[in-house]
Each structure stands twice: as C-alpha cells, then as structure tokens.
Amino acid sequence: MTEPGVEDATRRTRLANERTYLAWWRTGLTALAVAVGVGRLAPALTHHARWPYEALGAAFGVVGVGFVLAAYLRTRAVEQALRRGNYAPLSDRFSLVLTVTGLLLGVATVALVLFAR
C-alpha cells in the first residue's frame, strides 16, 4: 500500500499536469486568435500590401496548432513518467525551438509594425 503523503503528492502532480495541459491549450488558442487578428483584421485596416500580414498570421496559426499538439504530447509524457515513478523534464531542444520561434515571430511583428508600407 502507498504511503498517504506519496499518494497525495502524486494526485497534486497529476492535477498540476492537467493545469499545465490547459495552459498549453490557452497559449495555442491565443496564438490562433493572433493569427486571425494579424492575418485577416490588420490588413483590412491598412492600405499596405496584404501578403506580409497574411504570412505572419499564418505563422502564428502554425504556432497555435503546434501548441495544441504540444499540450497532448507533453501531458502524455508526464503521465507516463508518473506511472513509472519518474520525472519527464521538458526537452532542451524543444524549449530552444519555442524560444527561437517566439523571438522570430516577435521580431517579424515589430518589423511589420515599423516598416510596413
């Protein structure tokens, strides 16, 4: 039989995993909303070429879908690790990809705002 403290810690970890899953989803949905805003709404409000806005919006859309997929994969990895009594750290490579993607989208957004003609 499992000790009460260990069982409680496992429950808390599983609940934290569920909250993290929902956070990944919120991030994905936010990126999809930004995709619509940048790709569809912004071009309608400007007299500039549409394609840069549409391209940036599509990129945000891809990131949004990626976050929803990451939610599933990450939650599954953590649950599998919990069943084995292990820990599932976030991959350094995946973290780097997220960071670089965010930086590129941020720089592209700032450039579009400053230099769109």
Protein backbone atom coordinates (compact mmCIF):
# COMPACT_ATOMS: atom_id res chain seq x y z
CA MET A 1 0.00 0.00 0.00
CA THR A 2 1.25 3.50 -0.85
CA GLU A 3 2.05 5.93 1.93
CA PRO A 4 -0.57 8.71 2.28
CA GLY A 5 1.94 11.51 1.62
CA VAL A 6 3.18 9.87 -1.57
CA GLU A 7 -0.35 9.29 -2.84
CA ASP A 8 -1.26 12.93 -2.14
CA ALA A 9 1.88 14.15 -3.92
CA THR A 10 1.01 12.04 -6.97
CA ARG A 11 -2.51 13.47 -7.02
CA ARG A 12 -1.15 17.01 -6.80
CA THR A 13 1.30 16.29 -9.59
CA ARG A 14 -1.45 14.91 -11.82
CA LEU A 15 -3.63 17.95 -11.14
CA ALA A 16 -0.68 20.21 -11.92
CA ASN A 17 -0.21 18.28 -15.16
CA GLU A 18 -3.86 18.92 -16.05
CA ARG A 19 -3.44 22.65 -15.34
CA THR A 20 -0.33 22.70 -17.49
CA TYR A 21 -2.22 20.93 -20.29
CA LEU A 22 -4.84 23.67 -20.17
CA ALA A 23 -2.13 26.35 -20.17
CA TRP A 24 -0.64 24.87 -23.36
CA TRP A 25 -4.16 24.95 -24.85
CA ARG A 26 -4.69 28.58 -23.80
CA THR A 27 -1.41 29.51 -25.43
CA GLY A 28 -2.40 27.69 -28.62
CA LEU A 29 -5.79 29.38 -28.73
CA THR A 30 -4.17 32.77 -28.11
CA ALA A 31 -1.77 32.21 -31.00
CA LEU A 32 -4.72 31.26 -33.22
CA ALA A 33 -6.55 34.45 -32.20
CA VAL A 34 -3.42 36.47 -33.02
CA ALA A 35 -3.31 34.67 -36.39
CA VAL A 36 -6.80 35.91 -37.21
CA GLY A 37 -6.01 39.41 -35.97
CA VAL A 38 -2.75 39.77 -37.86
CA GLY A 39 -3.70 37.78 -40.95
CA ARG A 40 -7.27 38.99 -41.52
CA LEU A 41 -8.18 42.01 -39.43
CA ALA A 42 -4.98 44.08 -39.66
CA PRO A 43 -4.79 44.03 -43.48
CA ALA A 44 -8.39 45.22 -43.67
CA LEU A 45 -7.47 48.26 -41.57
CA THR A 46 -4.38 49.30 -43.51
CA HIS A 47 -3.58 50.47 -47.00
CA HIS A 48 -0.44 48.34 -47.13
CA ALA A 49 0.25 45.14 -49.01
CA ARG A 50 -1.77 42.27 -47.54
CA TRP A 51 0.71 39.43 -48.00
CA PRO A 52 3.10 40.29 -45.12
CA TYR A 53 0.17 40.32 -42.68
CA GLU A 54 -1.23 37.11 -44.11
CA ALA A 55 2.16 35.37 -43.95
CA LEU A 56 2.72 36.45 -40.35
CA GLY A 57 -0.84 35.44 -39.46
CA ALA A 58 -0.28 32.01 -40.99
CA ALA A 59 2.92 31.62 -38.98
CA PHE A 60 1.04 32.43 -35.76
CA GLY A 61 -1.61 29.89 -36.83
CA VAL A 62 1.00 27.18 -37.26
CA VAL A 63 2.41 28.01 -33.82
CA GLY A 64 -1.10 27.81 -32.33
CA VAL A 65 -1.69 24.36 -33.78
CA GLY A 66 1.78 23.36 -32.56
CA PHE A 67 0.93 24.37 -29.00
CA VAL A 68 -2.25 22.29 -29.03
CA LEU A 69 -0.22 19.30 -30.25
CA ALA A 70 2.46 20.00 -27.64
CA ALA A 71 -0.25 20.01 -24.95
CA TYR A 72 -1.15 16.44 -25.78
CA LEU A 73 2.41 15.17 -26.18
CA ARG A 74 3.69 16.83 -23.01
CA THR A 75 0.76 15.67 -20.88
CA ARG A 76 1.18 12.13 -22.16
CA ALA A 77 4.92 12.15 -21.42
CA VAL A 78 4.37 13.40 -17.87
CA GLU A 79 1.64 10.82 -17.20
CA GLN A 80 3.85 8.01 -18.47
CA ALA A 81 6.71 9.20 -16.28
CA LEU A 82 4.39 9.37 -13.25
CA ARG A 83 3.27 5.78 -13.82
CA ARG A 84 6.93 4.72 -13.81
CA GLY A 85 7.70 6.88 -10.79
CA ASN A 86 9.98 9.12 -12.85
CA TYR A 87 10.16 12.75 -13.93
CA ALA A 88 9.72 13.97 -17.51
CA PRO A 89 11.75 17.16 -17.98
CA LEU A 90 10.97 19.48 -20.86
CA SER A 91 13.48 18.84 -23.61
CA ASP A 92 16.18 21.48 -24.00
CA ARG A 93 15.78 21.21 -27.78
CA PHE A 94 12.02 21.77 -27.59
CA SER A 95 12.50 24.70 -25.23
CA LEU A 96 15.02 26.21 -27.65
CA VAL A 97 12.63 25.75 -30.59
CA LEU A 98 9.87 27.53 -28.65
CA THR A 99 12.23 30.37 -27.72
CA VAL A 100 13.59 30.86 -31.23
CA THR A 101 10.09 30.68 -32.74
CA GLY A 102 8.82 33.28 -30.28
CA LEU A 103 11.77 35.55 -30.98
CA LEU A 104 11.33 35.26 -34.75
CA LEU A 105 7.60 35.96 -34.58
CA GLY A 106 8.20 38.87 -32.23
CA VAL A 107 10.85 40.43 -34.45
CA ALA A 108 8.68 39.89 -37.55
CA THR A 109 5.72 41.54 -35.81
CA VAL A 110 7.78 44.55 -34.73
CA ALA A 111 9.27 44.85 -38.23
CA LEU A 112 5.81 44.71 -39.80
CA VAL A 113 4.52 47.40 -37.46
CA LEU A 114 7.52 49.67 -38.03
CA PHE A 115 8.28 49.15 -41.70
CA ALA A 116 5.07 48.10 -43.50
CA ARG A 117 4.45 50.43 -46.39
